[in-house]
PDB file of N, CA and C in Angstrom:
ATOM      1  N   UNK A   1    -155.602 139.800   7.329  1.00  0.00           N
ATOM      2  CA  UNK A   1    -154.550 140.206   8.225  1.00  0.00           C
ATOM      3  C   UNK A   1    -154.128 141.624   7.848  1.00  0.00           C
ATOM      4  N   UNK A   2    -153.898 142.450   8.805  1.00  0.00           N
ATOM      5  CA  UNK A   2    -153.542 143.831   8.512  1.00  0.00           C
ATOM      6  C   UNK A   2    -152.113 143.923   7.996  1.00  0.00           C
ATOM      7  N   UNK A   3    -151.829 145.027   7.322  1.00  0.00           N
ATOM      8  CA  UNK A   3    -150.472 145.246   6.802  1.00  0.00           C
ATOM      9  C   UNK A   3    -149.473 145.351   7.938  1.00  0.00           C
ATOM     10  N   UNK A   4    -149.889 145.932   9.060  1.00  0.00           N
ATOM     11  CA  UNK A   4    -148.993 146.075  10.201  1.00  0.00           C
ATOM     12  C   UNK A   4    -148.562 144.720  10.741  1.00  0.00           C
ATOM     13  N   UNK A   5    -149.508 143.809  10.962  1.00  0.00           N
ATOM     14  CA  UNK A   5    -149.128 142.507  11.516  1.00  0.00           C
ATOM     15  C   UNK A   5    -148.236 141.733  10.553  1.00  0.00           C
ATOM     16  N   UNK A   6    -148.458 141.894   9.253  1.00  0.00           N
ATOM     17  CA  UNK A   6    -147.596 141.243   8.269  1.00  0.00           C
ATOM     18  C   UNK A   6    -146.184 141.778   8.316  1.00  0.00           C
ATOM     19  N   UNK A   7    -146.062 143.099   8.516  1.00  0.00           N
ATOM     20  CA  UNK A   7    -144.726 143.697   8.606  1.00  0.00           C
ATOM     21  C   UNK A   7    -144.013 143.272   9.882  1.00  0.00           C
ATOM     22  N   UNK A   8    -144.748 143.146  10.970  1.00  0.00           N
ATOM     23  CA  UNK A   8    -144.126 142.727  12.222  1.00  0.00           C
ATOM     24  C   UNK A   8    -143.659 141.280  12.144  1.00  0.00           C
ATOM     25  N   UNK A   9    -144.489 140.428  11.553  1.00  0.00           N
ATOM     26  CA  UNK A   9    -144.144 139.023  11.419  1.00  0.00           C
ATOM     27  C   UNK A   9    -142.906 138.832  10.559  1.00  0.00           C
ATOM     28  N   UNK A  10    -142.924 139.385   9.358  1.00  0.00           N
ATOM     29  CA  UNK A  10    -141.828 139.151   8.418  1.00  0.00           C
ATOM     30  C   UNK A  10    -140.908 140.326   8.256  1.00  0.00           C
ATOM     31  N   UNK A  11    -141.137 141.360   9.029  1.00  0.00           N
ATOM     32  CA  UNK A  11    -140.321 142.571   8.971  1.00  0.00           C
ATOM     33  C   UNK A  11    -140.240 143.113   7.546  1.00  0.00           C
ATOM     34  N   UNK A  12    -141.320 142.908   6.768  1.00  0.00           N
ATOM     35  CA  UNK A  12    -141.374 143.435   5.413  1.00  0.00           C
ATOM     36  C   UNK A  12    -140.584 142.633   4.397  1.00  0.00           C
ATOM     37  N   UNK A  13    -139.977 141.537   4.819  1.00  0.00           N
ATOM     38  CA  UNK A  13    -139.171 140.704   3.937  1.00  0.00           C
ATOM     39  C   UNK A  13    -139.984 139.497   3.486  1.00  0.00           C
ATOM     40  N   UNK A  14    -139.714 138.987   2.292  1.00  0.00           N
ATOM     41  CA  UNK A  14    -140.405 137.771   1.855  1.00  0.00           C
ATOM     42  C   UNK A  14    -139.999 136.585   2.720  1.00  0.00           C
ATOM     43  N   UNK A  15    -140.879 135.602   2.825  1.00  0.00           N
ATOM     44  CA  UNK A  15    -140.597 134.400   3.604  1.00  0.00           C
ATOM     45  C   UNK A  15    -139.501 133.575   2.960  1.00  0.00           C
ATOM     46  N   UNK A  16    -138.985 132.636   3.699  1.00  0.00           N
ATOM     47  CA  UNK A  16    -137.926 131.785   3.159  1.00  0.00           C
ATOM     48  C   UNK A  16    -137.845 130.505   3.951  1.00  0.00           C
ATOM     49  N   UNK A  17    -136.788 129.756   3.750  1.00  0.00           N
ATOM     50  CA  UNK A  17    -136.596 128.507   4.467  1.00  0.00           C
ATOM     51  C   UNK A  17    -136.831 127.313   3.565  1.00  0.00           C
ATOM     52  N   UNK A  18    -136.789 126.160   4.160  1.00  0.00           N
ATOM     53  CA  UNK A  18    -136.975 124.922   3.421  1.00  0.00           C
ATOM     54  C   UNK A  18    -138.462 124.750   3.136  1.00  0.00           C
ATOM     55  N   UNK A  19    -138.813 124.682   1.879  1.00  0.00           N
ATOM     56  CA  UNK A  19    -140.199 124.477   1.488  1.00  0.00           C
ATOM     57  C   UNK A  19    -140.506 122.988   1.508  1.00  0.00           C
ATOM     58  N   UNK A  20    -139.598 122.202   0.969  1.00  0.00           N
ATOM     59  CA  UNK A  20    -139.752 120.751   1.014  1.00  0.00           C
ATOM     60  C   UNK A  20    -138.366 120.124   1.025  1.00  0.00           C
ATOM     61  N   UNK A  21    -138.315 118.860   1.360  1.00  0.00           N
ATOM     62  CA  UNK A  21    -137.049 118.139   1.445  1.00  0.00           C
ATOM     63  C   UNK A  21    -137.141 116.989   0.461  1.00  0.00           C
ATOM     64  N   UNK A  22    -136.134 116.782  -0.361  1.00  0.00           N
ATOM     65  CA  UNK A  22    -136.226 115.713  -1.364  1.00  0.00           C
ATOM     66  C   UNK A  22    -136.529 114.362  -0.716  1.00  0.00           C
ATOM     67  N   UNK A  23    -137.569 113.706  -1.195  1.00  0.00           N
ATOM     68  CA  UNK A  23    -137.996 112.455  -0.570  1.00  0.00           C
ATOM     69  C   UNK A  23    -136.928 111.364  -0.670  1.00  0.00           C
ATOM     70  N   UNK A  24    -136.157 111.340  -1.756  1.00  0.00           N
ATOM     71  CA  UNK A  24    -135.084 110.344  -1.870  1.00  0.00           C
ATOM     72  C   UNK A  24    -134.066 110.521  -0.748  1.00  0.00           C
ATOM     73  N   UNK A  25    -133.720 111.750  -0.459  1.00  0.00           N
ATOM     74  CA  UNK A  25    -132.757 112.034   0.610  1.00  0.00           C
ATOM     75  C   UNK A  25    -133.319 111.629   1.967  1.00  0.00           C
ATOM     76  N   UNK A  26    -134.583 111.911   2.195  1.00  0.00           N
ATOM     77  CA  UNK A  26    -135.229 111.535   3.449  1.00  0.00           C
ATOM     78  C   UNK A  26    -135.200 110.021   3.627  1.00  0.00           C
ATOM     79  N   UNK A  27    -135.530 109.280   2.580  1.00  0.00           N
ATOM     80  CA  UNK A  27    -135.497 107.813   2.667  1.00  0.00           C
ATOM     81  C   UNK A  27    -134.092 107.305   2.960  1.00  0.00           C
ATOM     82  N   UNK A  28    -133.085 107.919   2.346  1.00  0.00           N
ATOM     83  CA  UNK A  28    -131.693 107.526   2.614  1.00  0.00           C
ATOM     84  C   UNK A  28    -131.338 107.736   4.078  1.00  0.00           C
ATOM     85  N   UNK A  29    -131.701 108.897   4.615  1.00  0.00           N
ATOM     86  CA  UNK A  29    -131.397 109.196   6.013  1.00  0.00           C
ATOM     87  C   UNK A  29    -132.109 108.231   6.954  1.00  0.00           C
ATOM     88  N   UNK A  30    -133.383 107.957   6.690  1.00  0.00           N
ATOM     89  CA  UNK A  30    -134.153 107.044   7.544  1.00  0.00           C
ATOM     90  C   UNK A  30    -133.538 105.649   7.499  1.00  0.00           C
ATOM     91  N   UNK A  31    -133.211 105.158   6.307  1.00  0.00           N
ATOM     92  CA  UNK A  31    -132.611 103.826   6.181  1.00  0.00           C
ATOM     93  C   UNK A  31    -131.264 103.755   6.888  1.00  0.00           C
ATOM     94  N   UNK A  32    -130.468 104.785   6.750  1.00  0.00           N
ATOM     95  CA  UNK A  32    -129.140 104.841   7.362  1.00  0.00           C
ATOM     96  C   UNK A  32    -129.235 104.793   8.882  1.00  0.00           C
ATOM     97  N   UNK A  33    -130.108 105.628   9.449  1.00  0.00           N
ATOM     98  CA  UNK A  33    -130.255 105.649  10.904  1.00  0.00           C
ATOM     99  C   UNK A  33    -130.881 104.363  11.423  1.00  0.00           C
ATOM    100  N   UNK A  34    -131.858 103.849  10.721  1.00  0.00           N
ATOM    101  CA  UNK A  34    -132.487 102.603  11.153  1.00  0.00           C
ATOM    102  C   UNK A  34    -131.473 101.455  11.141  1.00  0.00           C
ATOM    103  N   UNK A  35    -130.599 101.437  10.148  1.00  0.00           N
ATOM    104  CA  UNK A  35    -129.605 100.368  10.048  1.00  0.00           C
ATOM    105  C   UNK A  35    -128.577 100.439  11.176  1.00  0.00           C
ATOM    106  N   UNK A  36    -128.035 101.617  11.399  1.00  0.00           N
ATOM    107  CA  UNK A  36    -126.951 101.739  12.366  1.00  0.00           C
ATOM    108  C   UNK A  36    -127.412 101.868  13.811  1.00  0.00           C
ATOM    109  N   UNK A  37    -128.560 102.476  14.033  1.00  0.00           N
ATOM    110  CA  UNK A  37    -129.028 102.682  15.399  1.00  0.00           C
ATOM    111  C   UNK A  37    -130.138 101.722  15.796  1.00  0.00           C
ATOM    112  N   UNK A  38    -130.655 100.991  14.806  1.00  0.00           N
ATOM    113  CA  UNK A  38    -131.750 100.038  15.046  1.00  0.00           C
ATOM    114  C   UNK A  38    -132.976 100.750  15.622  1.00  0.00           C
ATOM    115  N   UNK A  39    -133.208 101.974  15.156  1.00  0.00           N
ATOM    116  CA  UNK A  39    -134.371 102.736  15.575  1.00  0.00           C
ATOM    117  C   UNK A  39    -135.517 102.454  14.612  1.00  0.00           C
ATOM    118  N   UNK A  40    -136.719 102.351  15.108  1.00  0.00           N
ATOM    119  CA  UNK A  40    -137.867 102.152  14.213  1.00  0.00           C
ATOM    120  C   UNK A  40    -138.168 103.416  13.410  1.00  0.00           C
ATOM    121  N   UNK A  41    -138.875 103.230  12.325  1.00  0.00           N
ATOM    122  CA  UNK A  41    -139.235 104.314  11.410  1.00  0.00           C
ATOM    123  C   UNK A  41    -139.862 105.494  12.144  1.00  0.00           C
ATOM    124  N   UNK A  42    -140.827 105.229  13.000  1.00  0.00           N
ATOM    125  CA  UNK A  42    -141.524 106.314  13.697  1.00  0.00           C
ATOM    126  C   UNK A  42    -140.568 107.148  14.547  1.00  0.00           C
ATOM    127  N   UNK A  43    -139.607 106.510  15.155  1.00  0.00           N
ATOM    128  CA  UNK A  43    -138.654 107.224  16.001  1.00  0.00           C
ATOM    129  C   UNK A  43    -137.739 108.112  15.154  1.00  0.00           C
ATOM    130  N   UNK A  44    -137.288 107.594  14.025  1.00  0.00           N
ATOM    131  CA  UNK A  44    -136.427 108.389  13.143  1.00  0.00           C
ATOM    132  C   UNK A  44    -137.217 109.566  12.573  1.00  0.00           C
ATOM    133  N   UNK A  45    -138.455 109.326  12.163  1.00  0.00           N
ATOM    134  CA  UNK A  45    -139.274 110.388  11.579  1.00  0.00           C
ATOM    135  C   UNK A  45    -139.674 111.443  12.606  1.00  0.00           C
ATOM    136  N   UNK A  46    -139.613 111.112  13.879  1.00  0.00           N
ATOM    137  CA  UNK A  46    -139.957 112.079  14.923  1.00  0.00           C
ATOM    138  C   UNK A  46    -138.839 113.110  15.124  1.00  0.00           C
ATOM    139  N   UNK A  47    -137.639 112.809  14.621  1.00  0.00           N
ATOM    140  CA  UNK A  47    -136.528 113.760  14.725  1.00  0.00           C
ATOM    141  C   UNK A  47    -136.772 114.936  13.786  1.00  0.00           C
ATOM    142  N   UNK A  48    -136.373 116.125  14.210  1.00  0.00           N
ATOM    143  CA  UNK A  48    -136.475 117.241  13.276  1.00  0.00           C
ATOM    144  C   UNK A  48    -135.313 117.143  12.282  1.00  0.00           C
ATOM    145  N   UNK A  49    -135.420 117.911  11.234  1.00  0.00           N
ATOM    146  CA  UNK A  49    -134.480 117.846  10.120  1.00  0.00           C
ATOM    147  C   UNK A  49    -133.026 117.978  10.574  1.00  0.00           C
ATOM    148  N   UNK A  50    -132.733 118.978  11.369  1.00  0.00           N
ATOM    149  CA  UNK A  50    -131.338 119.215  11.798  1.00  0.00           C
ATOM    150  C   UNK A  50    -130.817 118.101  12.692  1.00  0.00           C
ATOM    151  N   UNK A  51    -131.657 117.616  13.587  1.00  0.00           N
ATOM    152  CA  UNK A  51    -131.211 116.548  14.482  1.00  0.00           C
ATOM    153  C   UNK A  51    -130.955 115.268  13.698  1.00  0.00           C
ATOM    154  N   UNK A  52    -131.828 114.965  12.742  1.00  0.00           N
ATOM    155  CA  UNK A  52    -131.638 113.769  11.911  1.00  0.00           C
ATOM    156  C   UNK A  52    -130.340 113.886  11.125  1.00  0.00           C
ATOM    157  N   UNK A  53    -130.062 115.049  10.566  1.00  0.00           N
ATOM    158  CA  UNK A  53    -128.816 115.239   9.821  1.00  0.00           C
ATOM    159  C   UNK A  53    -127.600 115.135  10.736  1.00  0.00           C
ATOM    160  N   UNK A  54    -127.730 115.603  11.957  1.00  0.00           N
ATOM    161  CA  UNK A  54    -126.613 115.514  12.910  1.00  0.00           C
ATOM    162  C   UNK A  54    -126.288 114.056  13.215  1.00  0.00           C
ATOM    163  N   UNK A  55    -127.314 113.236  13.437  1.00  0.00           N
ATOM    164  CA  UNK A  55    -127.089 111.813  13.685  1.00  0.00           C
ATOM    165  C   UNK A  55    -126.428 111.149  12.485  1.00  0.00           C
ATOM    166  N   UNK A  56    -126.885 111.470  11.286  1.00  0.00           N
ATOM    167  CA  UNK A  56    -126.290 110.908  10.065  1.00  0.00           C
ATOM    168  C   UNK A  56    -124.811 111.291   9.987  1.00  0.00           C
ATOM    169  N   UNK A  57    -124.501 112.549  10.251  1.00  0.00           N
ATOM    170  CA  UNK A  57    -123.109 113.014  10.192  1.00  0.00           C
ATOM    171  C   UNK A  57    -122.238 112.323  11.238  1.00  0.00           C
ATOM    172  N   UNK A  58    -122.762 112.141  12.435  1.00  0.00           N
ATOM    173  CA  UNK A  58    -121.983 111.489  13.497  1.00  0.00           C
ATOM    174  C   UNK A  58    -121.703 110.022  13.163  1.00  0.00           C
ATOM    175  N   UNK A  59    -122.684 109.328  12.628  1.00  0.00           N
ATOM    176  CA  UNK A  59    -122.466 107.925  12.241  1.00  0.00           C
ATOM    177  C   UNK A  59    -121.441 107.855  11.114  1.00  0.00           C
ATOM    178  N   UNK A  60    -121.552 108.745  10.137  1.00  0.00           N
ATOM    179  CA  UNK A  60    -120.597 108.763   9.024  1.00  0.00           C
ATOM    180  C   UNK A  60    -119.185 109.041   9.529  1.00  0.00           C
ATOM    181  N   UNK A  61    -119.062 109.986  10.471  1.00  0.00           N
ATOM    182  CA  UNK A  61    -117.744 110.312  11.034  1.00  0.00           C
ATOM    183  C   UNK A  61    -117.156 109.109  11.765  1.00  0.00           C
ATOM    184  N   UNK A  62    -117.974 108.427  12.539  1.00  0.00           N
ATOM    185  CA  UNK A  62    -117.519 107.242  13.272  1.00  0.00           C
ATOM    186  C   UNK A  62    -117.091 106.139  12.310  1.00  0.00           C
ATOM    187  N   UNK A  63    -117.890 105.903  11.283  1.00  0.00           N
ATOM    188  CA  UNK A  63    -117.545 104.883  10.281  1.00  0.00           C
ATOM    189  C   UNK A  63    -116.238 105.219   9.574  1.00  0.00           C
ATOM    190  N   UNK A  64    -116.057 106.495   9.242  1.00  0.00           N
ATOM    191  CA  UNK A  64    -114.823 106.931   8.591  1.00  0.00           C
ATOM    192  C   UNK A  64    -113.611 106.655   9.480  1.00  0.00           C
ATOM    193  N   UNK A  65    -113.723 106.987  10.766  1.00  0.00           N
ATOM    194  CA  UNK A  65    -112.619 106.765  11.691  1.00  0.00           C
ATOM    195  C   UNK A  65    -112.312 105.273  11.834  1.00  0.00           C
ATOM    196  N   UNK A  66    -113.346 104.453  11.915  1.00  0.00           N
ATOM    197  CA  UNK A  66    -113.138 103.000  12.031  1.00  0.00           C
ATOM    198  C   UNK A  66    -112.486 102.448  10.768  1.00  0.00           C
ATOM    199  N   UNK A  67    -112.923 102.915   9.622  1.00  0.00           N
ATOM    200  CA  UNK A  67    -112.324 102.461   8.358  1.00  0.00           C
ATOM    201  C   UNK A  67    -110.864 102.862   8.253  1.00  0.00           C
ATOM    202  N   UNK A  68    -110.555 104.082   8.655  1.00  0.00           N
ATOM    203  CA  UNK A  68    -109.165 104.538   8.608  1.00  0.00           C
ATOM    204  C   UNK A  68    -108.296 103.763   9.584  1.00  0.00           C
ATOM    205  N   UNK A  69    -108.816 103.452  10.751  1.00  0.00           N
ATOM    206  CA  UNK A  69    -108.061 102.680  11.744  1.00  0.00           C
ATOM    207  C   UNK A  69    -107.814 101.259  11.251  1.00  0.00           C
ATOM    208  N   UNK A  70    -108.763 100.707  10.514  1.00  0.00           N
ATOM    209  CA  UNK A  70    -108.625  99.348  10.001  1.00  0.00           C
ATOM    210  C   UNK A  70    -107.642  99.245   8.851  1.00  0.00           C
ATOM    211  N   UNK A  71    -107.354 100.352   8.186  1.00  0.00           N
ATOM    212  CA  UNK A  71    -106.437 100.356   7.042  1.00  0.00           C
ATOM    213  C   UNK A  71    -104.991 100.524   7.451  1.00  0.00           C
ATOM    214  N   UNK A  72    -104.744 100.765   8.717  1.00  0.00           N
ATOM    215  CA  UNK A  72    -103.364 100.980   9.196  1.00  0.00           C
ATOM    216  C   UNK A  72    -102.654  99.698   9.444  1.00  0.00           C
TER     217      UNK A  72
END
């Protein structure tokens, strides 16, 4: 690859981003979504990282609100 195309792609900066995701965390997220949404493994794994985290956060928020309402 030419130096020019490399500079255009990365604008001369080193690459970055998520290289890998801890497998323990991934298993936790899959189990959590499968339990609460009753989605099969393949469906949960088809979600991209951000969407899967968004679903986890929304379920956690809902559970928190239900728990707080039950304590009143």
